[in-house]
């Protein structure tokens, strides 16, 4: 106890502290990033970094992905979070069913990766993955989209992309990164030096 406290004087308030985040506990599940059925010939890898407002990688973020399948069906299928009926233990995927859902944490370098099938477009939207981002410092999770190269006519007609300036729309476009690989970085906030463009995030009303 300080002399000030012992003499009955006022103490300065203790700085606020945030406990967590605990995204790495319980939320990730086995094969959470393997959305495509095992060995599917059309599977592609989407990967990238999550960066904070200083451009530094975020090692404790969690990303969720939802998407339509190659047939354009957005409903998905159950099976991502299978449990053992006897023990209740989380088994993860069966490796055969495409569920359209994935959940992955970033690693110590702020990197994530998912293996999935290219989505088909739907009426009023070009082919894309919906993404939900949880990260330290965020009071609420963020929503964004990942569009794939090609599909020029569909992307030109997509109302979200059409409403954005070209330089902002580019933050939603994955770029080729080798055969069957695409890179998509999530920039949570634009650094003061402008070295990265903040990713476009969506508000739902």
N, C-alpha and C. Protein backbone atom coordinates (compact mmCIF):
# COMPACT_ATOMS: atom_id res chain seq x y z
N UNK A 1 0.85 -1.19 0.00
CA UNK A 1 0.00 0.00 0.00
C UNK A 1 0.88 1.24 0.00
N UNK A 2 0.54 2.20 -0.82
CA UNK A 2 1.36 3.41 -0.92
C UNK A 2 1.12 4.33 0.26
N UNK A 3 2.05 5.30 0.46
CA UNK A 3 1.90 6.28 1.53
C UNK A 3 0.61 7.08 1.34
N UNK A 4 0.28 7.35 0.08
CA UNK A 4 -0.94 8.12 -0.20
C UNK A 4 -2.16 7.35 0.27
N UNK A 5 -2.17 6.03 -0.01
CA UNK A 5 -3.31 5.21 0.42
C UNK A 5 -3.37 5.12 1.93
N UNK A 6 -2.20 4.98 2.60
CA UNK A 6 -2.18 4.83 4.04
C UNK A 6 -2.67 6.09 4.74
N UNK A 7 -2.44 7.23 4.14
CA UNK A 7 -2.86 8.48 4.75
C UNK A 7 -4.29 8.87 4.39
N UNK A 8 -4.97 8.01 3.65
CA UNK A 8 -6.35 8.27 3.30
C UNK A 8 -6.54 9.16 2.09
N UNK A 9 -5.45 9.43 1.35
CA UNK A 9 -5.57 10.26 0.15
C UNK A 9 -6.18 9.48 -1.00
N UNK A 10 -6.50 10.19 -2.07
CA UNK A 10 -7.09 9.57 -3.25
C UNK A 10 -6.02 8.93 -4.11
N UNK A 11 -6.35 7.80 -4.66
CA UNK A 11 -5.45 7.10 -5.58
C UNK A 11 -5.94 7.28 -7.01
N UNK A 12 -5.00 7.33 -7.92
CA UNK A 12 -5.37 7.37 -9.34
C UNK A 12 -6.00 6.05 -9.74
N UNK A 13 -7.01 6.07 -10.62
CA UNK A 13 -7.64 4.81 -11.03
C UNK A 13 -6.66 3.90 -11.74
N UNK A 14 -6.82 2.62 -11.54
CA UNK A 14 -6.00 1.63 -12.22
C UNK A 14 -6.35 1.60 -13.70
N UNK A 15 -5.37 1.53 -14.60
CA UNK A 15 -5.68 1.48 -16.03
C UNK A 15 -6.59 0.31 -16.37
N UNK A 16 -7.50 0.52 -17.30
CA UNK A 16 -8.39 -0.56 -17.73
C UNK A 16 -7.58 -1.67 -18.38
N UNK A 17 -8.02 -2.90 -18.21
CA UNK A 17 -7.35 -4.04 -18.79
C UNK A 17 -8.36 -4.90 -19.53
N UNK A 18 -7.93 -5.39 -20.67
CA UNK A 18 -8.77 -6.30 -21.45
C UNK A 18 -8.26 -7.72 -21.27
N UNK A 19 -9.14 -8.62 -20.86
CA UNK A 19 -8.77 -10.03 -20.72
C UNK A 19 -9.10 -10.75 -22.02
N UNK A 20 -8.13 -11.45 -22.53
CA UNK A 20 -8.35 -12.14 -23.79
C UNK A 20 -7.63 -11.41 -24.92
N UNK A 21 -7.98 -11.68 -26.17
CA UNK A 21 -9.10 -12.51 -26.61
C UNK A 21 -8.82 -14.00 -26.46
N UNK A 22 -9.89 -14.77 -26.49
CA UNK A 22 -9.79 -16.21 -26.34
C UNK A 22 -10.26 -16.91 -27.61
N UNK A 23 -10.02 -16.29 -28.77
CA UNK A 23 -10.50 -16.88 -30.03
C UNK A 23 -9.88 -18.25 -30.28
N UNK A 24 -8.67 -18.47 -29.78
CA UNK A 24 -8.01 -19.74 -30.03
C UNK A 24 -8.51 -20.87 -29.16
N UNK A 25 -9.42 -20.58 -28.23
CA UNK A 25 -9.93 -21.61 -27.32
C UNK A 25 -11.38 -21.96 -27.69
N UNK A 26 -11.64 -23.20 -27.99
CA UNK A 26 -12.98 -23.75 -28.24
C UNK A 26 -13.55 -23.38 -29.61
N UNK A 27 -13.30 -22.20 -30.12
CA UNK A 27 -13.92 -21.81 -31.39
C UNK A 27 -13.33 -22.54 -32.61
N UNK A 28 -12.00 -22.61 -32.77
CA UNK A 28 -11.48 -23.40 -33.90
C UNK A 28 -11.88 -24.86 -33.75
N UNK A 29 -12.08 -25.53 -34.87
CA UNK A 29 -12.48 -26.94 -34.83
C UNK A 29 -11.66 -27.73 -35.85
N UNK A 30 -11.59 -29.05 -35.71
CA UNK A 30 -10.76 -29.85 -36.60
C UNK A 30 -11.10 -29.62 -38.07
N UNK A 31 -10.07 -29.40 -38.87
CA UNK A 31 -10.21 -29.18 -40.32
C UNK A 31 -11.13 -28.00 -40.62
N UNK A 32 -11.11 -26.99 -39.76
CA UNK A 32 -11.97 -25.82 -39.98
C UNK A 32 -11.69 -25.09 -41.27
N UNK A 33 -10.47 -25.19 -41.77
CA UNK A 33 -10.13 -24.52 -43.01
C UNK A 33 -10.25 -25.38 -44.25
N UNK A 34 -10.65 -26.64 -44.08
CA UNK A 34 -10.79 -27.55 -45.23
C UNK A 34 -12.26 -27.62 -45.63
N UNK A 35 -12.71 -26.58 -46.32
CA UNK A 35 -14.11 -26.50 -46.73
C UNK A 35 -14.39 -27.44 -47.89
N UNK A 36 -13.43 -27.56 -48.80
CA UNK A 36 -13.61 -28.45 -49.96
C UNK A 36 -13.50 -29.90 -49.54
N UNK A 37 -14.28 -30.81 -50.15
CA UNK A 37 -14.10 -32.24 -49.88
C UNK A 37 -12.68 -32.68 -50.17
N UNK A 38 -12.21 -33.61 -49.41
CA UNK A 38 -10.83 -34.08 -49.54
C UNK A 38 -10.53 -34.57 -50.95
N UNK A 39 -9.46 -34.05 -51.55
CA UNK A 39 -9.02 -34.50 -52.87
C UNK A 39 -9.83 -33.98 -54.03
N UNK A 40 -10.73 -33.01 -53.81
CA UNK A 40 -11.55 -32.51 -54.91
C UNK A 40 -10.67 -31.81 -55.94
N UNK A 41 -10.82 -32.14 -57.23
CA UNK A 41 -9.91 -31.60 -58.25
C UNK A 41 -10.06 -30.10 -58.48
N UNK A 42 -11.19 -29.52 -58.11
CA UNK A 42 -11.41 -28.09 -58.35
C UNK A 42 -11.09 -27.22 -57.13
N UNK A 43 -10.59 -27.82 -56.07
CA UNK A 43 -10.34 -27.06 -54.85
C UNK A 43 -9.25 -26.01 -55.07
N UNK A 44 -9.41 -24.87 -54.40
CA UNK A 44 -8.42 -23.80 -54.45
C UNK A 44 -8.08 -23.41 -53.01
N UNK A 45 -6.93 -22.80 -52.84
CA UNK A 45 -6.49 -22.30 -51.54
C UNK A 45 -6.59 -20.79 -51.52
N UNK A 46 -7.23 -20.26 -50.50
CA UNK A 46 -7.28 -18.82 -50.26
C UNK A 46 -6.50 -18.57 -48.97
N UNK A 47 -5.56 -17.63 -49.03
CA UNK A 47 -4.74 -17.37 -47.85
C UNK A 47 -4.36 -15.90 -47.81
N UNK A 48 -3.84 -15.47 -46.67
CA UNK A 48 -3.41 -14.09 -46.56
C UNK A 48 -3.09 -13.72 -45.13
N UNK A 49 -2.89 -12.42 -44.91
CA UNK A 49 -2.57 -11.88 -43.60
C UNK A 49 -3.72 -11.03 -43.09
N UNK A 50 -3.86 -10.97 -41.77
CA UNK A 50 -4.70 -9.97 -41.13
C UNK A 50 -3.75 -8.95 -40.50
N UNK A 51 -3.90 -7.68 -40.86
CA UNK A 51 -3.01 -6.63 -40.36
C UNK A 51 -3.79 -5.61 -39.55
N UNK A 52 -3.12 -5.01 -38.57
CA UNK A 52 -3.77 -3.98 -37.75
C UNK A 52 -3.51 -2.59 -38.34
N UNK A 53 -3.89 -1.56 -37.59
CA UNK A 53 -3.79 -0.19 -38.09
C UNK A 53 -2.39 0.33 -38.24
N UNK A 54 -1.40 -0.42 -37.78
CA UNK A 54 -0.01 -0.05 -37.99
C UNK A 54 0.65 -0.91 -39.07
N UNK A 55 -0.16 -1.77 -39.68
CA UNK A 55 0.37 -2.65 -40.72
C UNK A 55 1.02 -3.90 -40.18
N UNK A 56 0.93 -4.12 -38.85
CA UNK A 56 1.54 -5.31 -38.24
C UNK A 56 0.58 -6.49 -38.31
N UNK A 57 1.08 -7.70 -38.54
CA UNK A 57 0.21 -8.89 -38.55
C UNK A 57 -0.47 -9.10 -37.20
N UNK A 58 -1.71 -9.58 -37.23
CA UNK A 58 -2.49 -9.86 -36.02
C UNK A 58 -2.46 -11.38 -35.80
N UNK A 59 -1.77 -11.85 -34.75
CA UNK A 59 -1.60 -13.29 -34.57
C UNK A 59 -2.74 -13.98 -33.84
N UNK A 60 -3.75 -13.25 -33.41
CA UNK A 60 -4.81 -13.87 -32.61
C UNK A 60 -6.20 -13.53 -33.15
N UNK A 61 -6.31 -13.41 -34.46
CA UNK A 61 -7.61 -13.16 -35.09
C UNK A 61 -8.29 -14.49 -35.42
N UNK A 62 -9.57 -14.41 -35.70
CA UNK A 62 -10.35 -15.58 -36.10
C UNK A 62 -11.22 -15.16 -37.27
N UNK A 63 -11.22 -15.95 -38.33
CA UNK A 63 -12.01 -15.65 -39.52
C UNK A 63 -13.00 -16.77 -39.79
N UNK A 64 -14.23 -16.38 -40.11
CA UNK A 64 -15.25 -17.34 -40.53
C UNK A 64 -15.62 -17.05 -41.99
N UNK A 65 -15.88 -18.10 -42.75
CA UNK A 65 -16.20 -18.00 -44.17
C UNK A 65 -17.52 -18.71 -44.44
N UNK A 66 -18.37 -18.05 -45.22
CA UNK A 66 -19.60 -18.67 -45.73
C UNK A 66 -19.60 -18.46 -47.24
N UNK A 67 -20.12 -19.42 -47.96
CA UNK A 67 -20.13 -19.26 -49.41
C UNK A 67 -21.17 -20.16 -50.07
N UNK A 68 -21.55 -19.76 -51.28
CA UNK A 68 -22.33 -20.64 -52.13
C UNK A 68 -21.41 -21.70 -52.73
N UNK A 69 -22.00 -22.81 -53.10
CA UNK A 69 -21.22 -23.85 -53.74
C UNK A 69 -21.04 -23.60 -55.22
N UNK A 70 -20.35 -24.48 -55.92
CA UNK A 70 -20.18 -24.34 -57.36
C UNK A 70 -21.50 -24.34 -58.12
N UNK A 71 -22.57 -24.85 -57.50
CA UNK A 71 -23.88 -24.86 -58.14
C UNK A 71 -24.66 -23.58 -57.84
N UNK A 72 -24.07 -22.66 -57.07
CA UNK A 72 -24.76 -21.41 -56.73
C UNK A 72 -25.67 -21.50 -55.53
N UNK A 73 -25.81 -22.67 -54.93
CA UNK A 73 -26.69 -22.84 -53.78
C UNK A 73 -26.04 -22.24 -52.53
N UNK A 74 -26.65 -21.20 -51.92
CA UNK A 74 -26.04 -20.58 -50.75
C UNK A 74 -26.39 -21.26 -49.43
N UNK A 75 -27.23 -22.29 -49.46
CA UNK A 75 -27.74 -22.87 -48.23
C UNK A 75 -26.69 -23.65 -47.45
N UNK A 76 -25.69 -24.18 -48.14
CA UNK A 76 -24.70 -24.99 -47.46
C UNK A 76 -25.28 -26.31 -47.00
N UNK A 77 -24.53 -26.99 -46.14
CA UNK A 77 -24.98 -28.30 -45.64
C UNK A 77 -24.42 -28.48 -44.24
N UNK A 78 -25.10 -29.26 -43.40
CA UNK A 78 -24.55 -29.55 -42.07
C UNK A 78 -23.34 -30.45 -42.19
N UNK A 79 -22.55 -30.50 -41.13
CA UNK A 79 -21.43 -31.43 -41.12
C UNK A 79 -20.09 -30.81 -40.77
N UNK A 80 -20.01 -29.48 -40.68
CA UNK A 80 -18.73 -28.86 -40.33
C UNK A 80 -18.33 -29.19 -38.90
N UNK A 81 -19.31 -29.21 -37.99
CA UNK A 81 -19.03 -29.37 -36.57
C UNK A 81 -19.60 -30.68 -36.04
N UNK A 82 -19.30 -31.79 -36.71
CA UNK A 82 -19.80 -33.09 -36.27
C UNK A 82 -19.27 -33.43 -34.88
N UNK A 83 -20.10 -34.09 -34.11
CA UNK A 83 -19.69 -34.55 -32.78
C UNK A 83 -19.89 -36.05 -32.64
N UNK A 84 -19.06 -36.66 -31.84
CA UNK A 84 -19.21 -38.07 -31.55
C UNK A 84 -20.51 -38.26 -30.76
N UNK A 85 -21.46 -39.08 -31.25
CA UNK A 85 -22.74 -39.24 -30.56
C UNK A 85 -22.62 -39.86 -29.17
N UNK A 86 -21.54 -40.56 -28.93
CA UNK A 86 -21.37 -41.21 -27.63
C UNK A 86 -20.69 -40.30 -26.61
N UNK A 87 -19.62 -39.63 -27.05
CA UNK A 87 -18.83 -38.84 -26.11
C UNK A 87 -19.08 -37.34 -26.21
N UNK A 88 -19.65 -36.90 -27.34
CA UNK A 88 -19.84 -35.46 -27.55
C UNK A 88 -18.59 -34.76 -28.02
N UNK A 89 -17.50 -35.49 -28.22
CA UNK A 89 -16.25 -34.89 -28.68
C UNK A 89 -16.41 -34.33 -30.09
N UNK A 90 -15.76 -33.22 -30.35
CA UNK A 90 -15.85 -32.58 -31.65
C UNK A 90 -15.00 -33.34 -32.65
N UNK A 91 -15.63 -33.83 -33.71
CA UNK A 91 -14.94 -34.62 -34.72
C UNK A 91 -14.52 -33.80 -35.93
N UNK A 92 -15.23 -32.70 -36.20
CA UNK A 92 -14.94 -31.94 -37.41
C UNK A 92 -15.59 -32.57 -38.63
N UNK A 93 -15.05 -32.29 -39.78
CA UNK A 93 -15.66 -32.70 -41.04
C UNK A 93 -15.47 -34.18 -41.33
N UNK A 94 -16.30 -34.66 -42.26
CA UNK A 94 -16.13 -36.05 -42.68
C UNK A 94 -15.25 -36.15 -43.93
N UNK A 95 -14.85 -35.00 -44.51
CA UNK A 95 -13.96 -34.99 -45.66
C UNK A 95 -14.64 -35.24 -46.98
N UNK A 96 -15.96 -35.42 -46.97
CA UNK A 96 -16.68 -35.74 -48.21
C UNK A 96 -17.76 -34.72 -48.56
N UNK A 97 -18.34 -34.05 -47.56
CA UNK A 97 -19.47 -33.14 -47.79
C UNK A 97 -18.98 -31.70 -47.84
N UNK A 98 -19.44 -30.97 -48.86
CA UNK A 98 -19.13 -29.54 -48.95
C UNK A 98 -20.19 -28.78 -48.16
N UNK A 99 -19.78 -28.13 -47.08
CA UNK A 99 -20.74 -27.45 -46.21
C UNK A 99 -20.86 -25.96 -46.48
N UNK A 100 -19.87 -25.37 -47.17
CA UNK A 100 -19.90 -23.94 -47.44
C UNK A 100 -19.52 -23.08 -46.26
N UNK A 101 -18.97 -23.69 -45.20
CA UNK A 101 -18.60 -22.94 -44.00
C UNK A 101 -17.21 -23.34 -43.53
N UNK A 102 -16.44 -22.33 -43.12
CA UNK A 102 -15.12 -22.59 -42.55
C UNK A 102 -14.81 -21.60 -41.44
N UNK A 103 -13.92 -22.01 -40.54
CA UNK A 103 -13.50 -21.12 -39.45
C UNK A 103 -12.04 -21.42 -39.15
N UNK A 104 -11.20 -20.38 -39.21
CA UNK A 104 -9.77 -20.58 -38.98
C UNK A 104 -9.19 -19.43 -38.15
N UNK A 105 -8.25 -19.74 -37.26
CA UNK A 105 -7.51 -18.68 -36.58
C UNK A 105 -6.30 -18.28 -37.42
N UNK A 106 -5.78 -17.08 -37.17
CA UNK A 106 -4.49 -16.74 -37.75
C UNK A 106 -3.39 -17.37 -36.90
N UNK A 107 -2.24 -17.61 -37.54
CA UNK A 107 -1.12 -18.21 -36.81
C UNK A 107 -0.27 -17.12 -36.16
N UNK A 108 0.88 -17.50 -35.66
CA UNK A 108 1.75 -16.55 -34.95
C UNK A 108 2.23 -15.42 -35.85
N UNK A 109 2.17 -15.62 -37.16
CA UNK A 109 2.58 -14.58 -38.11
C UNK A 109 1.41 -13.82 -38.70
N UNK A 110 0.20 -14.04 -38.16
CA UNK A 110 -0.98 -13.34 -38.66
C UNK A 110 -1.53 -13.91 -39.95
N UNK A 111 -1.13 -15.14 -40.29
CA UNK A 111 -1.51 -15.77 -41.56
C UNK A 111 -2.67 -16.74 -41.36
N UNK A 112 -3.55 -16.81 -42.36
CA UNK A 112 -4.64 -17.79 -42.36
C UNK A 112 -4.65 -18.48 -43.71
N UNK A 113 -5.34 -19.60 -43.80
CA UNK A 113 -5.51 -20.30 -45.08
C UNK A 113 -6.75 -21.18 -45.00
N UNK A 114 -7.50 -21.23 -46.10
CA UNK A 114 -8.62 -22.15 -46.24
C UNK A 114 -8.52 -22.83 -47.59
N UNK A 115 -9.03 -24.03 -47.65
CA UNK A 115 -9.09 -24.81 -48.89
C UNK A 115 -10.56 -24.98 -49.22
N UNK A 116 -10.98 -24.48 -50.38
CA UNK A 116 -12.41 -24.48 -50.68
C UNK A 116 -12.66 -24.68 -52.16
N UNK A 117 -13.93 -24.66 -52.55
CA UNK A 117 -14.32 -24.74 -53.95
C UNK A 117 -14.71 -23.36 -54.44
N UNK A 118 -14.40 -23.02 -55.69
CA UNK A 118 -14.79 -21.72 -56.23
C UNK A 118 -16.31 -21.58 -56.19
N UNK A 119 -16.81 -20.49 -55.62
CA UNK A 119 -18.27 -20.32 -55.56
C UNK A 119 -18.82 -19.87 -56.91
N UNK A 120 -20.07 -20.20 -57.15
CA UNK A 120 -20.77 -19.68 -58.33
C UNK A 120 -21.46 -18.38 -57.95
N UNK A 121 -21.74 -17.56 -58.95
CA UNK A 121 -22.47 -16.33 -58.70
C UNK A 121 -23.94 -16.62 -58.44
N UNK A 122 -24.58 -15.64 -57.83
CA UNK A 122 -26.01 -15.71 -57.57
C UNK A 122 -26.67 -14.46 -58.11
N UNK A 123 -27.97 -14.45 -58.29
CA UNK A 123 -28.62 -13.23 -58.80
C UNK A 123 -28.30 -12.03 -57.92
N UNK A 124 -27.76 -10.98 -58.53
CA UNK A 124 -27.43 -9.77 -57.81
C UNK A 124 -26.10 -9.79 -57.11
N UNK A 125 -25.29 -10.81 -57.33
CA UNK A 125 -23.98 -10.87 -56.68
C UNK A 125 -23.01 -11.70 -57.51
N UNK A 126 -21.81 -11.17 -57.69
CA UNK A 126 -20.76 -11.93 -58.35
C UNK A 126 -20.24 -13.01 -57.39
N UNK A 127 -19.55 -14.03 -57.90
CA UNK A 127 -19.03 -15.08 -57.03
C UNK A 127 -18.15 -14.49 -55.92
N UNK A 128 -18.44 -14.87 -54.69
CA UNK A 128 -17.66 -14.33 -53.57
C UNK A 128 -17.79 -15.23 -52.35
N UNK A 129 -16.90 -15.01 -51.39
CA UNK A 129 -16.99 -15.59 -50.06
C UNK A 129 -17.35 -14.48 -49.09
N UNK A 130 -18.28 -14.76 -48.19
CA UNK A 130 -18.57 -13.83 -47.10
C UNK A 130 -17.62 -14.14 -45.95
N UNK A 131 -17.07 -13.09 -45.34
CA UNK A 131 -16.07 -13.27 -44.30
C UNK A 131 -16.46 -12.47 -43.05
N UNK A 132 -16.32 -13.09 -41.90
CA UNK A 132 -16.51 -12.43 -40.61
C UNK A 132 -15.18 -12.45 -39.88
N UNK A 133 -14.72 -11.28 -39.43
CA UNK A 133 -13.41 -11.14 -38.80
C UNK A 133 -13.57 -10.79 -37.33
N UNK A 134 -12.98 -11.60 -36.46
CA UNK A 134 -12.89 -11.31 -35.03
C UNK A 134 -11.42 -11.05 -34.73
N UNK A 135 -11.13 -9.98 -33.99
CA UNK A 135 -9.74 -9.68 -33.68
C UNK A 135 -9.66 -8.81 -32.44
N UNK A 136 -8.51 -8.82 -31.80
CA UNK A 136 -8.29 -7.98 -30.63
C UNK A 136 -8.48 -6.51 -30.99
N UNK A 137 -9.03 -5.77 -30.05
CA UNK A 137 -9.25 -4.35 -30.29
C UNK A 137 -10.57 -4.04 -30.96
N UNK A 138 -11.30 -5.06 -31.41
CA UNK A 138 -12.59 -4.83 -32.05
C UNK A 138 -13.71 -5.04 -31.03
N UNK A 139 -14.55 -4.03 -30.88
CA UNK A 139 -15.70 -4.20 -30.00
C UNK A 139 -16.75 -5.09 -30.64
N UNK A 140 -16.82 -5.07 -31.96
CA UNK A 140 -17.75 -5.92 -32.71
C UNK A 140 -17.00 -6.54 -33.87
N UNK A 141 -17.40 -7.74 -34.23
CA UNK A 141 -16.78 -8.39 -35.37
C UNK A 141 -17.12 -7.62 -36.65
N UNK A 142 -16.31 -7.83 -37.68
CA UNK A 142 -16.44 -7.11 -38.94
C UNK A 142 -16.82 -8.09 -40.05
N UNK A 143 -17.57 -7.59 -41.03
CA UNK A 143 -17.97 -8.39 -42.17
C UNK A 143 -17.38 -7.80 -43.45
N UNK A 144 -16.91 -8.68 -44.32
CA UNK A 144 -16.43 -8.25 -45.62
C UNK A 144 -16.68 -9.36 -46.63
N UNK A 145 -16.18 -9.18 -47.83
CA UNK A 145 -16.33 -10.19 -48.88
C UNK A 145 -15.01 -10.38 -49.61
N UNK A 146 -14.86 -11.58 -50.19
CA UNK A 146 -13.73 -11.89 -51.06
C UNK A 146 -14.28 -12.24 -52.44
N UNK A 147 -13.95 -11.43 -53.43
CA UNK A 147 -14.31 -11.72 -54.82
C UNK A 147 -13.09 -12.31 -55.52
N UNK A 148 -13.36 -13.16 -56.50
CA UNK A 148 -12.28 -13.82 -57.22
C UNK A 148 -12.06 -13.16 -58.58
N UNK A 149 -10.83 -13.26 -59.11
CA UNK A 149 -10.55 -12.70 -60.44
C UNK A 149 -11.44 -13.36 -61.50
N UNK A 150 -11.56 -12.67 -62.64
CA UNK A 150 -12.44 -13.14 -63.69
C UNK A 150 -13.87 -12.70 -63.43
N UNK A 151 -14.81 -13.31 -64.09
CA UNK A 151 -16.23 -12.98 -63.90
C UNK A 151 -16.47 -11.48 -64.11
N UNK A 152 -15.81 -10.92 -65.13
CA UNK A 152 -15.85 -9.48 -65.32
C UNK A 152 -17.25 -8.90 -65.40
N UNK A 153 -18.12 -9.53 -66.17
CA UNK A 153 -19.48 -9.00 -66.33
C UNK A 153 -20.24 -9.07 -65.02
N UNK A 154 -20.09 -10.19 -64.30
CA UNK A 154 -20.80 -10.34 -63.03
C UNK A 154 -20.28 -9.34 -62.00
N UNK A 155 -18.97 -9.11 -61.97
CA UNK A 155 -18.43 -8.15 -61.01
C UNK A 155 -18.85 -6.73 -61.36
N UNK A 156 -18.93 -6.42 -62.66
CA UNK A 156 -19.38 -5.09 -63.07
C UNK A 156 -20.82 -4.83 -62.67
N UNK A 157 -21.63 -5.90 -62.62
CA UNK A 157 -23.05 -5.75 -62.28
C UNK A 157 -23.33 -5.93 -60.80
N UNK A 158 -22.32 -6.30 -60.02
CA UNK A 158 -22.53 -6.52 -58.59
C UNK A 158 -22.81 -5.17 -57.92
N UNK A 159 -23.93 -5.01 -57.22
CA UNK A 159 -24.28 -3.70 -56.67
C UNK A 159 -23.31 -3.19 -55.62
N UNK A 160 -22.71 -4.08 -54.85
CA UNK A 160 -21.74 -3.63 -53.86
C UNK A 160 -20.49 -3.07 -54.53
N UNK A 161 -19.93 -3.81 -55.47
CA UNK A 161 -18.73 -3.34 -56.15
C UNK A 161 -19.01 -2.09 -56.97
N UNK A 162 -20.19 -2.04 -57.58
CA UNK A 162 -20.54 -0.88 -58.40
C UNK A 162 -20.67 0.39 -57.57
N UNK A 163 -20.98 0.25 -56.29
CA UNK A 163 -21.16 1.42 -55.43
C UNK A 163 -19.85 1.94 -54.86
N UNK A 164 -18.74 1.23 -55.09
CA UNK A 164 -17.46 1.62 -54.50
C UNK A 164 -16.52 2.24 -55.53
N UNK A 165 -15.72 3.22 -55.11
CA UNK A 165 -14.65 3.69 -56.01
C UNK A 165 -13.71 2.52 -56.34
N UNK A 166 -13.08 2.60 -57.48
CA UNK A 166 -12.26 1.47 -57.94
C UNK A 166 -11.19 1.08 -56.93
N UNK A 167 -10.53 2.08 -56.30
CA UNK A 167 -9.45 1.74 -55.38
C UNK A 167 -9.97 1.05 -54.12
N UNK A 168 -11.23 1.34 -53.73
CA UNK A 168 -11.81 0.67 -52.57
C UNK A 168 -12.30 -0.72 -52.96
N UNK A 169 -12.88 -0.85 -54.14
CA UNK A 169 -13.34 -2.16 -54.60
C UNK A 169 -12.19 -3.15 -54.70
N UNK A 170 -10.99 -2.66 -55.00
CA UNK A 170 -9.83 -3.55 -55.12
C UNK A 170 -9.51 -4.26 -53.81
N UNK A 171 -9.90 -3.66 -52.69
CA UNK A 171 -9.59 -4.30 -51.40
C UNK A 171 -10.43 -5.55 -51.18
N UNK A 172 -11.43 -5.78 -52.02
CA UNK A 172 -12.28 -6.97 -51.90
C UNK A 172 -11.93 -8.05 -52.91
N UNK A 173 -10.89 -7.84 -53.68
CA UNK A 173 -10.55 -8.76 -54.76
C UNK A 173 -9.31 -9.58 -54.40
N UNK A 174 -9.46 -10.90 -54.38
CA UNK A 174 -8.31 -11.78 -54.19
C UNK A 174 -7.45 -11.74 -55.45
N UNK A 175 -6.17 -11.95 -55.27
CA UNK A 175 -5.29 -11.95 -56.44
C UNK A 175 -4.63 -13.32 -56.61
N UNK A 176 -4.39 -13.73 -57.85
CA UNK A 176 -3.75 -15.02 -58.08
C UNK A 176 -2.39 -15.09 -57.40
N UNK A 177 -2.07 -16.26 -56.85
CA UNK A 177 -0.81 -16.43 -56.11
C UNK A 177 -0.26 -17.83 -56.37
N UNK A 178 -0.26 -18.20 -57.65
CA UNK A 178 0.20 -19.53 -58.02
C UNK A 178 -0.96 -20.38 -58.47
N UNK A 179 -0.68 -21.55 -59.05
CA UNK A 179 -1.75 -22.43 -59.53
C UNK A 179 -2.70 -22.84 -58.40
N UNK A 180 -3.97 -22.54 -58.59
CA UNK A 180 -4.96 -22.92 -57.60
C UNK A 180 -4.84 -22.19 -56.28
N UNK A 181 -4.16 -21.04 -56.26
CA UNK A 181 -3.97 -20.29 -55.02
C UNK A 181 -4.34 -18.82 -55.23
N UNK A 182 -4.95 -18.24 -54.22
CA UNK A 182 -5.32 -16.82 -54.25
C UNK A 182 -4.95 -16.20 -52.91
N UNK A 183 -4.56 -14.93 -52.98
CA UNK A 183 -4.19 -14.21 -51.75
C UNK A 183 -5.19 -13.10 -51.48
N UNK A 184 -5.61 -13.01 -50.22
CA UNK A 184 -6.52 -11.96 -49.79
C UNK A 184 -6.11 -11.52 -48.39
N UNK A 185 -5.56 -10.31 -48.28
CA UNK A 185 -5.17 -9.76 -46.99
C UNK A 185 -6.30 -8.91 -46.42
N UNK A 186 -6.48 -8.96 -45.11
CA UNK A 186 -7.48 -8.16 -44.41
C UNK A 186 -6.76 -7.05 -43.67
N UNK A 187 -6.99 -5.81 -44.07
CA UNK A 187 -6.40 -4.66 -43.40
C UNK A 187 -7.46 -4.01 -42.52
N UNK A 188 -7.29 -4.13 -41.19
CA UNK A 188 -8.33 -3.68 -40.27
C UNK A 188 -8.48 -2.17 -40.23
N UNK A 189 -7.42 -1.45 -40.49
CA UNK A 189 -7.45 0.01 -40.49
C UNK A 189 -6.30 0.51 -41.34
N UNK A 190 -6.49 1.62 -42.02
CA UNK A 190 -5.43 2.15 -42.87
C UNK A 190 -4.35 2.80 -42.02
N UNK A 191 -3.08 2.39 -42.19
CA UNK A 191 -2.01 3.03 -41.44
C UNK A 191 -1.89 4.51 -41.78
N UNK A 192 -1.33 5.28 -40.86
CA UNK A 192 -1.20 6.73 -41.06
C UNK A 192 -0.35 7.05 -42.28
N UNK A 193 0.61 6.18 -42.60
CA UNK A 193 1.47 6.46 -43.75
C UNK A 193 0.86 6.01 -45.07
N UNK A 194 -0.36 5.45 -45.02
CA UNK A 194 -1.05 5.06 -46.24
C UNK A 194 -0.43 3.87 -46.95
N UNK A 195 0.40 3.10 -46.23
CA UNK A 195 1.09 1.98 -46.87
C UNK A 195 0.14 0.86 -47.27
N UNK A 196 -1.00 0.76 -46.61
CA UNK A 196 -2.02 -0.23 -46.95
C UNK A 196 -3.37 0.46 -47.01
N UNK A 197 -4.24 -0.05 -47.86
CA UNK A 197 -5.60 0.46 -47.97
C UNK A 197 -6.51 -0.37 -47.07
N UNK A 198 -7.28 0.29 -46.21
CA UNK A 198 -8.19 -0.43 -45.33
C UNK A 198 -9.19 -1.25 -46.14
N UNK A 199 -9.40 -2.48 -45.73
CA UNK A 199 -10.39 -3.34 -46.38
C UNK A 199 -11.79 -2.74 -46.22
N UNK A 200 -12.61 -2.87 -47.22
CA UNK A 200 -14.00 -2.44 -47.12
C UNK A 200 -14.75 -3.40 -46.21
N UNK A 201 -15.41 -2.85 -45.19
CA UNK A 201 -16.24 -3.64 -44.29
C UNK A 201 -17.70 -3.23 -44.44
N UNK A 202 -18.60 -4.17 -44.17
CA UNK A 202 -20.01 -3.99 -44.46
C UNK A 202 -20.82 -3.80 -43.19
N UNK A 203 -21.84 -2.97 -43.28
CA UNK A 203 -22.80 -2.79 -42.19
C UNK A 203 -24.12 -3.37 -42.63
N UNK A 204 -24.75 -4.19 -41.78
CA UNK A 204 -26.04 -4.78 -42.08
C UNK A 204 -27.11 -4.05 -41.29
N UNK A 205 -28.17 -3.66 -41.97
CA UNK A 205 -29.25 -2.90 -41.32
C UNK A 205 -30.54 -3.69 -41.39
